[in-house]
Amino acid sequence: MHAPAPAEHAPAKINLALHVTGRRADGYHLLESLAVFTEFGDSVSVAPAAEDSFSVTGPFAAHLPLNGDNLVVRARDALRALAPYTATPVAISLEKNLPIASGIGGGSSDAAATLRALARHWHIEADLAVLALTLGADVPMCLAAKSLVARGIGEVLEAVTLPPLPLVLVNPGVAVSTPDVFHALERRDNPPLPPLPARMDAEAMANWLRTARNDLEAPARALAPVIGDVLERLKQAGTPFARMSGSGATCFGLFDSNEAAAHAATTLRKDQPDWFIAATTSMR
């Protein structure tokens, strides 16, 4: 009897900085983003089955579609199309720990984890990055799942070496529409990311971040003013640096140690028990 395959980690994607630098003729926005991926995230499991199935568990399972609207199902079907005769039926289980529509790439990371898990299960050797881009602009970077600078619409990736960053993630339970945030953006031709420092310890990282931006934060705060409250609560909890990730509404605070992050998360939970709050660390 075969042992079950290990679950595939689907980490949260945190945009430490996100600059909108232009817009293509097809409507896609051009971006430059420094992103990291966290130890905390969702989990995708794959097992052989008599017929295809897809199930979701976890604290954010209730609001997810189980049909072709879900990126996990779309990733399965897209990969199977590359090798229809060897892609046997599978039972896919998703443990959904990340809030939905929250600016931390949950759906894209789930799709990327599904591609990795199924390529291994089905023994498919293919350029998954090309397939990933057909599923969404964030999926290629989530497929890489390591510290990187993303350019273009998110498909041009450059790996960078960063120290593990202790983080607290906070989402106030408000879903923010990414198209609405981009629609509310005042400028689409903003300056690119500043050059990264040669030495990237935690202090240099924080100093660099203060010279960078998330161009989507202002329009997101206009649509969901509670984002400002989240950032203020993170500062009160002791973070030396707080910012919104992606198109929101999840925000992150950097901390000097895992212990400081855990203490801040505990404090924040007592203050806001209904918010999503997680202390975690960026992956090496």
Protein backbone atom coordinates (compact mmCIF):
# COMPACT_ATOMS: atom_id res chain seq x y z
CA MET A 1 0.00 0.00 0.00
CA HIS A 2 1.38 3.40 -0.97
CA ALA A 3 1.95 6.01 1.75
CA PRO A 4 -0.10 9.17 1.18
CA ALA A 5 1.78 11.93 -0.63
CA PRO A 6 2.87 14.80 1.61
CA ALA A 7 0.67 17.88 1.53
CA GLU A 8 1.90 20.74 -0.66
CA HIS A 9 2.36 24.03 1.18
CA ALA A 10 0.52 27.02 -0.34
CA PRO A 11 2.10 29.99 1.44
CA ALA A 12 0.72 33.48 1.77
CA LYS A 13 2.32 35.93 -0.68
CA ILE A 14 3.24 39.22 0.95
CA ASN A 15 3.95 42.21 -1.26
CA LEU A 16 6.49 44.10 0.85
CA ALA A 17 6.41 46.79 -1.83
CA LEU A 18 4.24 47.11 -4.93
CA HIS A 19 4.75 49.85 -7.53
CA VAL A 20 2.32 50.28 -10.44
CA THR A 21 4.53 51.48 -13.31
CA GLY A 22 2.23 51.43 -16.35
CA ARG A 23 -0.59 49.76 -18.18
CA ARG A 24 -0.59 47.58 -21.29
CA ALA A 25 -2.95 48.01 -24.22
CA ASP A 26 -4.84 44.89 -23.11
CA GLY A 27 -5.63 46.49 -19.74
CA TYR A 28 -3.14 44.55 -17.62
CA HIS A 29 -1.19 46.75 -15.24
CA LEU A 30 2.62 46.71 -15.20
CA LEU A 31 4.04 46.18 -11.73
CA GLU A 32 7.26 45.98 -9.80
CA SER A 33 6.93 44.15 -6.52
CA LEU A 34 9.22 42.75 -3.85
CA ALA A 35 7.39 39.71 -2.48
CA VAL A 36 8.07 37.10 0.18
CA PHE A 37 6.21 33.90 1.06
CA THR A 38 5.35 32.81 4.57
CA GLU A 39 5.53 29.67 6.68
CA PHE A 40 1.81 30.12 7.37
CA GLY A 41 -0.56 29.27 4.54
CA ASP A 42 -2.98 26.86 2.95
CA SER A 43 -2.29 23.20 2.20
CA VAL A 44 -3.13 21.07 -0.87
CA SER A 45 -3.26 17.25 -0.74
CA VAL A 46 -3.61 14.92 -3.74
CA ALA A 47 -4.56 11.24 -3.71
CA PRO A 48 -5.46 8.70 -6.43
CA ALA A 49 -9.22 8.17 -6.77
CA ALA A 50 -11.85 6.42 -8.85
CA GLU A 51 -13.11 9.80 -10.04
CA ASP A 52 -12.12 13.41 -9.64
CA SER A 53 -13.20 15.20 -6.48
CA PHE A 54 -12.36 18.46 -4.71
CA SER A 55 -13.04 19.26 -1.07
CA VAL A 56 -12.18 22.19 1.18
CA THR A 57 -11.73 22.32 4.94
CA GLY A 58 -10.34 24.97 7.28
CA PRO A 59 -11.55 28.27 8.76
CA PHE A 60 -12.15 29.96 5.37
CA ALA A 61 -13.68 26.99 3.54
CA ALA A 62 -17.30 28.12 3.64
CA HIS A 63 -17.20 30.78 0.94
CA LEU A 64 -15.13 28.96 -1.67
CA PRO A 65 -16.70 27.55 -4.86
CA LEU A 66 -16.02 23.86 -5.52
CA ASN A 67 -16.55 24.02 -9.30
CA GLY A 68 -14.60 25.42 -12.25
CA ASP A 69 -14.67 28.90 -10.68
CA ASN A 70 -12.06 27.68 -8.19
CA LEU A 71 -8.43 28.11 -9.25
CA VAL A 72 -7.53 24.66 -7.86
CA VAL A 73 -9.99 22.99 -10.24
CA ARG A 74 -8.83 25.17 -13.12
CA ALA A 75 -5.18 24.28 -12.36
CA ARG A 76 -6.04 20.56 -12.33
CA ASP A 77 -7.87 20.74 -15.64
CA ALA A 78 -5.18 22.89 -17.32
CA LEU A 79 -2.40 20.50 -16.32
CA ARG A 80 -4.42 17.43 -17.31
CA ALA A 81 -4.88 18.91 -20.80
CA LEU A 82 -1.10 18.58 -21.27
CA ALA A 83 -1.16 14.83 -20.63
CA PRO A 84 -4.77 13.59 -20.78
CA TYR A 85 -3.83 9.90 -21.07
CA THR A 86 -1.62 9.74 -17.97
CA ALA A 87 -3.51 12.23 -15.77
CA THR A 88 -5.61 9.72 -13.83
CA PRO A 89 -8.49 10.79 -11.53
CA VAL A 90 -7.49 12.48 -8.27
CA ALA A 91 -9.05 13.55 -5.00
CA ILE A 92 -7.79 17.03 -4.14
CA SER A 93 -8.18 18.40 -0.62
CA LEU A 94 -7.56 22.04 0.22
CA GLU A 95 -7.08 23.23 3.78
CA LYS A 96 -8.06 26.91 3.61
CA ASN A 97 -6.33 28.88 6.36
CA LEU A 98 -5.90 32.17 4.47
CA PRO A 99 -8.74 34.70 4.12
CA ILE A 100 -10.32 35.05 0.68
CA ALA A 101 -9.87 38.12 -1.58
CA SER A 102 -7.39 39.53 0.90
CA GLY A 103 -4.31 40.64 -1.07
CA ILE A 104 -2.02 37.80 -0.02
CA GLY A 105 -2.39 35.55 -3.06
CA GLY A 106 -4.34 32.74 -1.41
CA GLY A 107 -6.16 31.51 -4.51
CA SER A 108 -3.07 31.91 -6.71
CA SER A 109 -0.92 30.08 -4.17
CA ASP A 110 -3.48 27.26 -3.99
CA ALA A 111 -3.38 26.96 -7.79
CA ALA A 112 0.43 26.92 -7.79
CA ALA A 113 0.54 24.27 -5.06
CA THR A 114 -1.93 22.19 -7.08
CA LEU A 115 0.29 22.40 -10.16
CA ARG A 116 3.36 21.32 -8.16
CA ALA A 117 1.53 18.46 -6.44
CA LEU A 118 -0.14 17.12 -9.58
CA ALA A 119 2.97 17.42 -11.76
CA ARG A 120 4.71 15.20 -9.21
CA HIS A 121 1.74 12.82 -8.87
CA TRP A 122 1.22 12.48 -12.62
CA HIS A 123 4.97 12.53 -13.47
CA ILE A 124 4.46 15.44 -15.87
CA GLU A 125 7.55 17.37 -16.90
CA ALA A 126 6.47 20.69 -18.35
CA ASP A 127 7.16 24.39 -18.05
CA LEU A 128 4.67 25.03 -15.28
CA ALA A 129 5.41 28.78 -15.26
CA VAL A 130 3.90 29.17 -18.75
CA LEU A 131 0.80 27.26 -17.67
CA ALA A 132 0.66 29.22 -14.40
CA LEU A 133 0.39 32.54 -16.21
CA THR A 134 -2.75 31.36 -18.02
CA LEU A 135 -4.38 30.95 -14.59
CA GLY A 136 -3.56 34.43 -13.31
CA ALA A 137 -0.84 37.06 -13.11
CA ASP A 138 0.09 36.10 -9.52
CA VAL A 139 0.33 32.35 -10.13
CA PRO A 140 3.89 32.28 -11.62
CA MET A 141 5.39 34.01 -8.56
CA CYS A 142 3.38 31.75 -6.25
CA LEU A 143 4.73 28.78 -8.21
CA ALA A 144 8.27 29.97 -7.42
CA ALA A 145 7.27 30.63 -3.77
CA LYS A 146 10.54 32.27 -2.73
CA SER A 147 11.71 35.83 -2.12
CA LEU A 148 11.66 37.62 -5.45
CA VAL A 149 11.13 40.79 -7.43
CA ALA A 150 8.27 40.45 -9.91
CA ARG A 151 7.99 42.71 -12.94
CA GLY A 152 5.83 42.94 -16.05
CA ILE A 153 2.33 41.81 -15.12
CA GLY A 154 3.92 39.52 -12.54
CA GLU A 155 5.56 36.95 -14.83
CA VAL A 156 9.14 38.32 -15.00
CA LEU A 157 10.76 37.00 -11.82
CA GLU A 158 14.12 37.69 -10.23
CA ALA A 159 15.08 35.71 -7.12
CA VAL A 160 16.53 37.74 -4.25
CA THR A 161 18.11 36.67 -0.97
CA LEU A 162 16.41 38.08 2.11
CA PRO A 163 16.71 37.19 5.78
CA PRO A 164 13.71 35.44 7.37
CA LEU A 165 11.33 38.23 8.38
CA PRO A 166 9.09 37.85 11.45
CA LEU A 167 5.65 39.13 10.41
CA VAL A 168 2.17 39.61 11.79
CA LEU A 169 -0.63 39.41 9.20
CA VAL A 170 -3.93 41.13 9.97
CA ASN A 171 -7.14 41.15 7.94
CA PRO A 172 -10.25 42.90 9.32
CA GLY A 173 -12.68 40.58 7.57
CA VAL A 174 -13.37 42.96 4.69
CA ALA A 175 -13.04 41.68 1.13
CA VAL A 176 -11.63 44.31 -1.24
CA SER A 177 -12.22 43.97 -4.99
CA THR A 178 -8.92 44.10 -6.89
CA PRO A 179 -10.55 45.58 -10.04
CA ASP A 180 -12.19 48.28 -7.90
CA VAL A 181 -8.84 49.16 -6.31
CA PHE A 182 -7.12 49.46 -9.69
CA HIS A 183 -10.05 51.49 -11.02
CA ALA A 184 -9.63 53.95 -8.13
CA LEU A 185 -5.88 54.31 -8.75
CA GLU A 186 -5.05 57.94 -9.56
CA ARG A 187 -1.72 57.29 -11.37
CA ARG A 188 -0.56 54.27 -13.33
CA ASP A 189 2.89 55.52 -14.38
CA ASN A 190 4.63 55.62 -11.01
CA PRO A 191 8.41 55.31 -10.48
CA PRO A 192 9.85 51.76 -10.26
CA LEU A 193 11.27 50.10 -7.15
CA PRO A 194 14.42 51.69 -5.75
CA PRO A 195 17.55 49.50 -6.07
CA LEU A 196 17.84 46.86 -3.37
CA PRO A 197 20.72 47.35 -0.91
CA ALA A 198 23.70 45.04 -1.23
CA ARG A 199 23.37 43.94 2.40
CA MET A 200 19.88 42.76 3.25
CA ASP A 201 19.62 42.24 6.99
CA ALA A 202 16.42 43.11 8.87
CA GLU A 203 17.46 46.72 9.57
CA ALA A 204 18.49 47.37 5.96
CA MET A 205 15.22 45.78 4.85
CA ALA A 206 13.13 48.12 7.01
CA ASN A 207 15.11 51.16 5.86
CA TRP A 208 14.68 50.18 2.21
CA LEU A 209 10.95 49.60 2.65
CA ARG A 210 10.53 53.17 3.87
CA THR A 211 11.80 54.35 0.46
CA ALA A 212 9.33 52.08 -1.40
CA ARG A 213 5.53 52.05 -1.61
CA ASN A 214 2.38 50.07 -2.17
CA ASP A 215 0.64 52.18 -4.81
CA LEU A 216 -2.61 50.29 -4.21
CA GLU A 217 -2.81 51.17 -0.51
CA ALA A 218 -4.34 54.65 -0.93
CA PRO A 219 -7.17 53.58 -3.27
CA ALA A 220 -7.84 50.48 -1.12
CA ARG A 221 -8.06 52.65 2.02
CA ALA A 222 -10.51 54.95 0.24
CA LEU A 223 -12.73 51.91 -0.48
CA ALA A 224 -12.20 50.28 2.94
CA PRO A 225 -11.17 52.86 5.58
CA VAL A 226 -10.78 50.07 8.16
CA ILE A 227 -7.40 49.33 6.53
CA GLY A 228 -6.13 52.52 8.18
CA ASP A 229 -7.35 51.18 11.53
CA VAL A 230 -5.47 47.90 10.95
CA LEU A 231 -2.22 49.72 10.21
CA GLU A 232 -2.65 51.88 13.31
CA ARG A 233 -3.32 48.82 15.51
CA LEU A 234 -0.17 47.15 14.18
CA LYS A 235 1.87 50.23 15.08
CA GLN A 236 0.33 50.29 18.56
CA ALA A 237 1.32 46.60 18.89
CA GLY A 238 4.96 47.58 18.41
CA THR A 239 5.80 47.04 14.75
CA PRO A 240 8.55 49.34 13.44
CA PHE A 241 7.01 49.05 9.95
CA ALA A 242 3.47 48.31 8.72
CA ARG A 243 2.00 48.28 5.22
CA MET A 244 -0.89 46.79 3.24
CA SER A 245 -0.13 43.79 1.02
CA GLY A 246 -1.29 43.55 -2.59
CA SER A 247 -4.70 45.10 -3.19
CA GLY A 248 -5.74 44.56 0.44
CA ALA A 249 -7.23 44.38 2.90
CA THR A 250 -4.54 42.27 4.64
CA CYS A 251 -1.77 44.29 6.24
CA PHE A 252 1.55 43.16 7.65
CA GLY A 253 3.82 44.38 10.41
CA LEU A 254 7.53 43.58 10.55
CA PHE A 255 8.98 42.61 13.92
CA ASP A 256 12.49 42.19 15.30
CA SER A 257 11.94 38.59 16.43
CA ASN A 258 9.48 35.72 16.26
CA GLU A 259 8.78 36.24 19.97
CA ALA A 260 7.89 39.90 19.43
CA ALA A 261 5.61 38.97 16.53
CA ALA A 262 3.85 36.27 18.58
CA HIS A 263 3.37 38.68 21.50
CA ALA A 264 1.94 41.36 19.19
CA ALA A 265 -0.45 38.84 17.59
CA THR A 266 -1.71 37.80 21.04
CA THR A 267 -2.27 41.44 22.00
CA LEU A 268 -4.11 42.17 18.75
CA ARG A 269 -6.36 39.11 19.12
CA LYS A 270 -7.49 40.25 22.55
CA ASP A 271 -8.35 43.65 21.07
CA GLN A 272 -9.95 42.38 17.84
CA PRO A 273 -11.09 38.74 18.31
CA ASP A 274 -13.04 38.74 15.03
CA TRP A 275 -10.10 39.74 12.83
CA PHE A 276 -7.78 37.28 11.07
CA ILE A 277 -4.42 37.61 12.84
CA ALA A 278 -1.40 35.35 12.30
CA ALA A 279 2.20 35.57 13.44
CA THR A 280 4.52 33.94 10.94
CA THR A 281 7.94 34.16 9.28
CA SER A 282 8.91 34.59 5.65
CA MET A 283 10.40 31.45 4.12
CA ARG A 284 14.10 31.31 3.27
